[in-house]
Amino acid sequence: MEIKLAYYLSLALTVSGCGLGLDDVTGADSSESVQVKLQVIYRDSQCQAFRPGIQILDDAGSWIEWRRQQDRRLFSEANEPENDVIDIDFSQFSVIVISMGQRPTPGYTVDVRGDAGVLDGGVLNITSVWEQPPEDAILAQVLTSPCVAITVPRAQYNTVKVRNQYGDFVIDQRI
């Protein structure tokens, strides 16, 4: 308990002292920790990912194709993605998809708050919220695969680490 409290206090101090704009993030010294503004642009419980992980989409074509794959449901034809692609400036931002992986029932979710990113050298740290249904919940046996897609400013990082709300690493992926 004391370790988690110390972690959250140090994270709060780091984040509160580092509110920067996009230019500051892309040009930041690799030895500094800087807060990165994140924006959720998509979330769903059926994201077709079998294992927890991240996927980085660096251009509009990749985003459109990823959305097209997500929009294929059961027996339906691929739908045109919503017009949210127009709002993403891929010269300034990338899209990171955080997938929870396949789960046995509904009730699992993954989410990210806008202030949940910290760039520390070559590592992008993201704090997420991973929810699961209560152990005594009576739920249908339906496979789900929750995910959330976020925009992040383009910056120099080679690893993405995702922690859950308890400070535990759930994804540590080199890119």
C-alpha atoms as a PDB file:
ATOM      1  CA  MET A   1       0.000   0.000   0.000  1.00  0.00           C
ATOM      2  CA  GLU A   2       2.819   2.422   0.909  1.00  0.00           C
ATOM      3  CA  ILE A   3       4.634   1.661  -2.357  1.00  0.00           C
ATOM      4  CA  LYS A   4       1.539   2.408  -4.441  1.00  0.00           C
ATOM      5  CA  LEU A   5       0.909   5.613  -2.461  1.00  0.00           C
ATOM      6  CA  ALA A   6       4.509   6.717  -3.057  1.00  0.00           C
ATOM      7  CA  TYR A   7       4.173   5.899  -6.767  1.00  0.00           C
ATOM      8  CA  TYR A   8       0.963   7.919  -7.129  1.00  0.00           C
ATOM      9  CA  LEU A   9       2.423  10.872  -5.220  1.00  0.00           C
ATOM     10  CA  SER A  10       5.557  10.909  -7.382  1.00  0.00           C
ATOM     11  CA  LEU A  11       3.448  10.549 -10.545  1.00  0.00           C
ATOM     12  CA  ALA A  12       1.153  13.386  -9.425  1.00  0.00           C
ATOM     13  CA  LEU A  13       4.132  15.649  -8.739  1.00  0.00           C
ATOM     14  CA  THR A  14       5.711  14.777 -12.084  1.00  0.00           C
ATOM     15  CA  VAL A  15       2.509  15.303 -14.039  1.00  0.00           C
ATOM     16  CA  SER A  16       1.466  18.496 -12.237  1.00  0.00           C
ATOM     17  CA  GLY A  17       4.782  20.176 -12.945  1.00  0.00           C
ATOM     18  CA  CYS A  18       4.986  19.264 -16.612  1.00  0.00           C
ATOM     19  CA  GLY A  19       1.976  20.611 -18.493  1.00  0.00           C
ATOM     20  CA  LEU A  20       3.392  21.295 -21.953  1.00  0.00           C
ATOM     21  CA  GLY A  21       2.134  22.003 -25.427  1.00  0.00           C
ATOM     22  CA  LEU A  22       2.836  19.964 -28.537  1.00  0.00           C
ATOM     23  CA  ASP A  23       6.013  21.843 -29.470  1.00  0.00           C
ATOM     24  CA  ASP A  24       7.459  21.198 -26.029  1.00  0.00           C
ATOM     25  CA  VAL A  25       6.740  17.462 -26.285  1.00  0.00           C
ATOM     26  CA  THR A  26       8.293  16.938 -29.696  1.00  0.00           C
ATOM     27  CA  GLY A  27      11.391  18.910 -28.792  1.00  0.00           C
ATOM     28  CA  ALA A  28      11.707  17.775 -25.183  1.00  0.00           C
ATOM     29  CA  ASP A  29      15.068  16.766 -23.762  1.00  0.00           C
ATOM     30  CA  SER A  30      15.192  12.968 -23.513  1.00  0.00           C
ATOM     31  CA  SER A  31      16.129  13.177 -19.816  1.00  0.00           C
ATOM     32  CA  GLU A  32      12.972  15.104 -18.839  1.00  0.00           C
ATOM     33  CA  SER A  33       9.528  13.778 -17.971  1.00  0.00           C
ATOM     34  CA  VAL A  34       6.783  15.709 -19.730  1.00  0.00           C
ATOM     35  CA  GLN A  35       3.012  15.378 -19.617  1.00  0.00           C
ATOM     36  CA  VAL A  36       1.415  14.335 -22.908  1.00  0.00           C
ATOM     37  CA  LYS A  37      -2.188  15.264 -23.718  1.00  0.00           C
ATOM     38  CA  LEU A  38      -4.203  12.236 -24.862  1.00  0.00           C
ATOM     39  CA  GLN A  39      -7.618  12.233 -26.513  1.00  0.00           C
ATOM     40  CA  VAL A  40      -9.927   9.222 -26.727  1.00  0.00           C
ATOM     41  CA  ILE A  41     -11.322   8.941 -30.249  1.00  0.00           C
ATOM     42  CA  TYR A  42     -12.782   5.422 -30.261  1.00  0.00           C
ATOM     43  CA  ARG A  43     -13.727   2.711 -27.787  1.00  0.00           C
ATOM     44  CA  ASP A  44     -15.538  -0.574 -28.221  1.00  0.00           C
ATOM     45  CA  SER A  45     -15.970  -3.993 -26.643  1.00  0.00           C
ATOM     46  CA  GLN A  46     -15.369  -5.893 -29.911  1.00  0.00           C
ATOM     47  CA  CYS A  47     -11.993  -4.832 -31.267  1.00  0.00           C
ATOM     48  CA  GLN A  48     -10.811  -8.141 -32.689  1.00  0.00           C
ATOM     49  CA  ALA A  49      -7.604  -8.351 -30.630  1.00  0.00           C
ATOM     50  CA  PHE A  50      -6.798 -11.728 -29.109  1.00  0.00           C
ATOM     51  CA  ARG A  51      -4.061 -10.564 -26.716  1.00  0.00           C
ATOM     52  CA  PRO A  52      -3.425  -7.394 -24.736  1.00  0.00           C
ATOM     53  CA  GLY A  53      -1.217  -4.982 -26.656  1.00  0.00           C
ATOM     54  CA  ILE A  54      -0.924  -1.753 -28.543  1.00  0.00           C
ATOM     55  CA  GLN A  55      -1.062  -0.839 -32.184  1.00  0.00           C
ATOM     56  CA  ILE A  56       0.278   2.448 -33.546  1.00  0.00           C
ATOM     57  CA  LEU A  57      -1.408   4.013 -36.560  1.00  0.00           C
ATOM     58  CA  ASP A  58       0.671   6.804 -38.117  1.00  0.00           C
ATOM     59  CA  ASP A  59      -1.405   7.839 -41.120  1.00  0.00           C
ATOM     60  CA  ALA A  60      -4.990   8.317 -42.257  1.00  0.00           C
ATOM     61  CA  GLY A  61      -4.900   5.215 -44.467  1.00  0.00           C
ATOM     62  CA  SER A  62      -3.932   2.973 -41.541  1.00  0.00           C
ATOM     63  CA  TRP A  63      -6.627   4.551 -39.360  1.00  0.00           C
ATOM     64  CA  ILE A  64      -9.305   4.105 -42.040  1.00  0.00           C
ATOM     65  CA  GLU A  65      -8.322   0.451 -42.590  1.00  0.00           C
ATOM     66  CA  TRP A  66      -8.268  -0.252 -38.836  1.00  0.00           C
ATOM     67  CA  ARG A  67     -11.732   1.317 -38.482  1.00  0.00           C
ATOM     68  CA  ARG A  68     -12.988  -0.687 -41.448  1.00  0.00           C
ATOM     69  CA  GLN A  69     -11.841  -3.878 -39.704  1.00  0.00           C
ATOM     70  CA  GLN A  70     -13.591  -2.840 -36.488  1.00  0.00           C
ATOM     71  CA  ASP A  71     -16.821  -2.065 -38.322  1.00  0.00           C
ATOM     72  CA  ARG A  72     -17.091  -5.604 -39.700  1.00  0.00           C
ATOM     73  CA  ARG A  73     -19.535  -7.278 -37.370  1.00  0.00           C
ATOM     74  CA  LEU A  74     -20.841 -10.807 -37.678  1.00  0.00           C
ATOM     75  CA  PHE A  75     -22.697 -10.957 -40.982  1.00  0.00           C
ATOM     76  CA  SER A  76     -22.596  -7.280 -41.942  1.00  0.00           C
ATOM     77  CA  GLU A  77     -20.568  -5.781 -44.763  1.00  0.00           C
ATOM     78  CA  ALA A  78     -17.760  -3.363 -43.988  1.00  0.00           C
ATOM     79  CA  ASN A  79     -19.172   0.069 -43.260  1.00  0.00           C
ATOM     80  CA  GLU A  80     -17.517   3.309 -44.097  1.00  0.00           C
ATOM     81  CA  PRO A  81     -15.721   4.677 -41.029  1.00  0.00           C
ATOM     82  CA  GLU A  82     -17.231   7.719 -39.425  1.00  0.00           C
ATOM     83  CA  ASN A  83     -15.849  11.084 -40.432  1.00  0.00           C
ATOM     84  CA  ASP A  84     -13.560  11.267 -37.386  1.00  0.00           C
ATOM     85  CA  VAL A  85     -10.530  10.713 -39.653  1.00  0.00           C
ATOM     86  CA  ILE A  86     -10.863  14.297 -40.896  1.00  0.00           C
ATOM     87  CA  ASP A  87     -10.241  15.650 -37.387  1.00  0.00           C
ATOM     88  CA  ILE A  88      -6.893  13.870 -36.917  1.00  0.00           C
ATOM     89  CA  ASP A  89      -3.829  15.773 -38.123  1.00  0.00           C
ATOM     90  CA  PHE A  90      -1.411  12.906 -38.699  1.00  0.00           C
ATOM     91  CA  SER A  91       1.471  15.333 -39.193  1.00  0.00           C
ATOM     92  CA  GLN A  92       1.072  16.263 -35.510  1.00  0.00           C
ATOM     93  CA  PHE A  93      -0.519  13.141 -33.968  1.00  0.00           C
ATOM     94  CA  SER A  94      -0.436   9.354 -34.037  1.00  0.00           C
ATOM     95  CA  VAL A  95      -3.194   6.999 -32.951  1.00  0.00           C
ATOM     96  CA  ILE A  96      -2.436   4.357 -30.350  1.00  0.00           C
ATOM     97  CA  VAL A  97      -4.926   1.528 -29.907  1.00  0.00           C
ATOM     98  CA  ILE A  98      -4.755  -0.150 -26.491  1.00  0.00           C
ATOM     99  CA  SER A  99      -6.340  -3.595 -26.598  1.00  0.00           C
ATOM    100  CA  MET A 100      -7.350  -5.588 -23.550  1.00  0.00           C
ATOM    101  CA  GLY A 101      -7.309  -8.858 -25.488  1.00  0.00           C
ATOM    102  CA  GLN A 102     -10.014 -11.484 -25.669  1.00  0.00           C
ATOM    103  CA  ARG A 103     -12.264 -11.812 -22.589  1.00  0.00           C
ATOM    104  CA  PRO A 104     -14.898 -14.490 -21.800  1.00  0.00           C
ATOM    105  CA  THR A 105     -17.860 -12.230 -20.943  1.00  0.00           C
ATOM    106  CA  PRO A 106     -19.192  -8.685 -21.321  1.00  0.00           C
ATOM    107  CA  GLY A 107     -18.359  -6.206 -18.570  1.00  0.00           C
ATOM    108  CA  TYR A 108     -14.662  -5.738 -19.353  1.00  0.00           C
ATOM    109  CA  THR A 109     -13.581  -2.236 -20.395  1.00  0.00           C
ATOM    110  CA  VAL A 110     -10.400  -0.275 -20.961  1.00  0.00           C
ATOM    111  CA  ASP A 111     -10.273   3.515 -20.872  1.00  0.00           C
ATOM    112  CA  VAL A 112      -7.767   6.359 -20.693  1.00  0.00           C
ATOM    113  CA  ARG A 113      -8.074   9.842 -19.227  1.00  0.00           C
ATOM    114  CA  GLY A 114      -6.820  12.841 -21.185  1.00  0.00           C
ATOM    115  CA  ASP A 115      -4.112  13.674 -18.655  1.00  0.00           C
ATOM    116  CA  ALA A 116      -2.821  10.104 -18.410  1.00  0.00           C
ATOM    117  CA  GLY A 117       0.343  10.276 -20.547  1.00  0.00           C
ATOM    118  CA  VAL A 118       3.914  11.016 -19.525  1.00  0.00           C
ATOM    119  CA  LEU A 119       6.869  10.974 -21.908  1.00  0.00           C
ATOM    120  CA  ASP A 120       9.987   9.984 -20.004  1.00  0.00           C
ATOM    121  CA  GLY A 121      12.999   9.781 -22.279  1.00  0.00           C
ATOM    122  CA  GLY A 122      12.217   7.171 -24.921  1.00  0.00           C
ATOM    123  CA  VAL A 123       9.242   5.745 -23.006  1.00  0.00           C
ATOM    124  CA  LEU A 124       5.616   6.832 -23.334  1.00  0.00           C
ATOM    125  CA  ASN A 125       3.847   5.929 -20.079  1.00  0.00           C
ATOM    126  CA  ILE A 126       0.058   5.750 -20.192  1.00  0.00           C
ATOM    127  CA  THR A 127      -2.162   5.255 -17.157  1.00  0.00           C
ATOM    128  CA  SER A 128      -5.349   3.408 -18.049  1.00  0.00           C
ATOM    129  CA  VAL A 129      -8.412   2.059 -16.306  1.00  0.00           C
ATOM    130  CA  TRP A 130      -8.994  -1.692 -16.785  1.00  0.00           C
ATOM    131  CA  GLU A 131     -12.370  -2.766 -15.438  1.00  0.00           C
ATOM    132  CA  GLN A 132     -13.782  -6.244 -15.134  1.00  0.00           C
ATOM    133  CA  PRO A 133     -17.187  -7.476 -14.049  1.00  0.00           C
ATOM    134  CA  PRO A 134     -17.710  -8.427 -10.400  1.00  0.00           C
ATOM    135  CA  GLU A 135     -16.768 -12.033  -9.626  1.00  0.00           C
ATOM    136  CA  ASP A 136     -20.346 -12.880  -8.628  1.00  0.00           C
ATOM    137  CA  ALA A 137     -21.913 -11.291 -11.745  1.00  0.00           C
ATOM    138  CA  ILE A 138     -24.130 -13.504 -13.865  1.00  0.00           C
ATOM    139  CA  LEU A 139     -23.170 -12.754 -17.447  1.00  0.00           C
ATOM    140  CA  ALA A 140     -23.575 -14.284 -20.875  1.00  0.00           C
ATOM    141  CA  GLN A 141     -20.659 -16.333 -22.140  1.00  0.00           C
ATOM    142  CA  VAL A 142     -19.796 -14.058 -25.052  1.00  0.00           C
ATOM    143  CA  LEU A 143     -16.249 -13.364 -26.185  1.00  0.00           C
ATOM    144  CA  THR A 144     -15.341  -9.693 -26.108  1.00  0.00           C
ATOM    145  CA  SER A 145     -12.121  -7.824 -26.876  1.00  0.00           C
ATOM    146  CA  PRO A 146     -12.267  -4.292 -25.457  1.00  0.00           C
ATOM    147  CA  CYS A 147     -10.052  -1.526 -26.800  1.00  0.00           C
ATOM    148  CA  VAL A 148      -9.626   2.225 -26.736  1.00  0.00           C
ATOM    149  CA  ALA A 149      -7.992   4.372 -29.435  1.00  0.00           C
ATOM    150  CA  ILE A 150      -6.289   7.606 -28.434  1.00  0.00           C
ATOM    151  CA  THR A 151      -4.435  10.360 -30.208  1.00  0.00           C
ATOM    152  CA  VAL A 152      -0.986  11.231 -28.913  1.00  0.00           C
ATOM    153  CA  PRO A 153       1.363  13.974 -30.097  1.00  0.00           C
ATOM    154  CA  ARG A 154       4.133  12.679 -32.347  1.00  0.00           C
ATOM    155  CA  ALA A 155       7.276  12.452 -30.272  1.00  0.00           C
ATOM    156  CA  GLN A 156      10.439  10.416 -30.001  1.00  0.00           C
ATOM    157  CA  TYR A 157       9.724   7.250 -28.006  1.00  0.00           C
ATOM    158  CA  ASN A 158      10.574   3.615 -28.617  1.00  0.00           C
ATOM    159  CA  THR A 159       8.529   1.945 -25.889  1.00  0.00           C
ATOM    160  CA  VAL A 160       4.948   2.282 -24.716  1.00  0.00           C
ATOM    161  CA  LYS A 161       4.156   1.190 -21.168  1.00  0.00           C
ATOM    162  CA  VAL A 162       0.551   0.988 -20.041  1.00  0.00           C
ATOM    163  CA  ARG A 163      -0.285   0.767 -16.348  1.00  0.00           C
ATOM    164  CA  ASN A 164      -3.700   0.045 -14.911  1.00  0.00           C
ATOM    165  CA  GLN A 165      -5.371   2.190 -12.264  1.00  0.00           C
ATOM    166  CA  TYR A 166      -3.499   0.268  -9.537  1.00  0.00           C
ATOM    167  CA  GLY A 167      -0.058   1.031 -10.986  1.00  0.00           C
ATOM    168  CA  ASP A 168       0.507  -2.483 -12.367  1.00  0.00           C
ATOM    169  CA  PHE A 169       2.020  -2.843 -15.853  1.00  0.00           C
ATOM    170  CA  VAL A 170      -0.509  -4.416 -18.213  1.00  0.00           C
ATOM    171  CA  ILE A 171       1.402  -3.702 -21.442  1.00  0.00           C
ATOM    172  CA  ASP A 172       5.110  -3.040 -21.902  1.00  0.00           C
ATOM    173  CA  GLN A 173       5.746  -2.991 -25.636  1.00  0.00           C
ATOM    174  CA  ARG A 174       8.773  -1.872 -27.605  1.00  0.00           C
ATOM    175  CA  ILE A 175       7.845  -0.293 -30.953  1.00  0.00           C
END
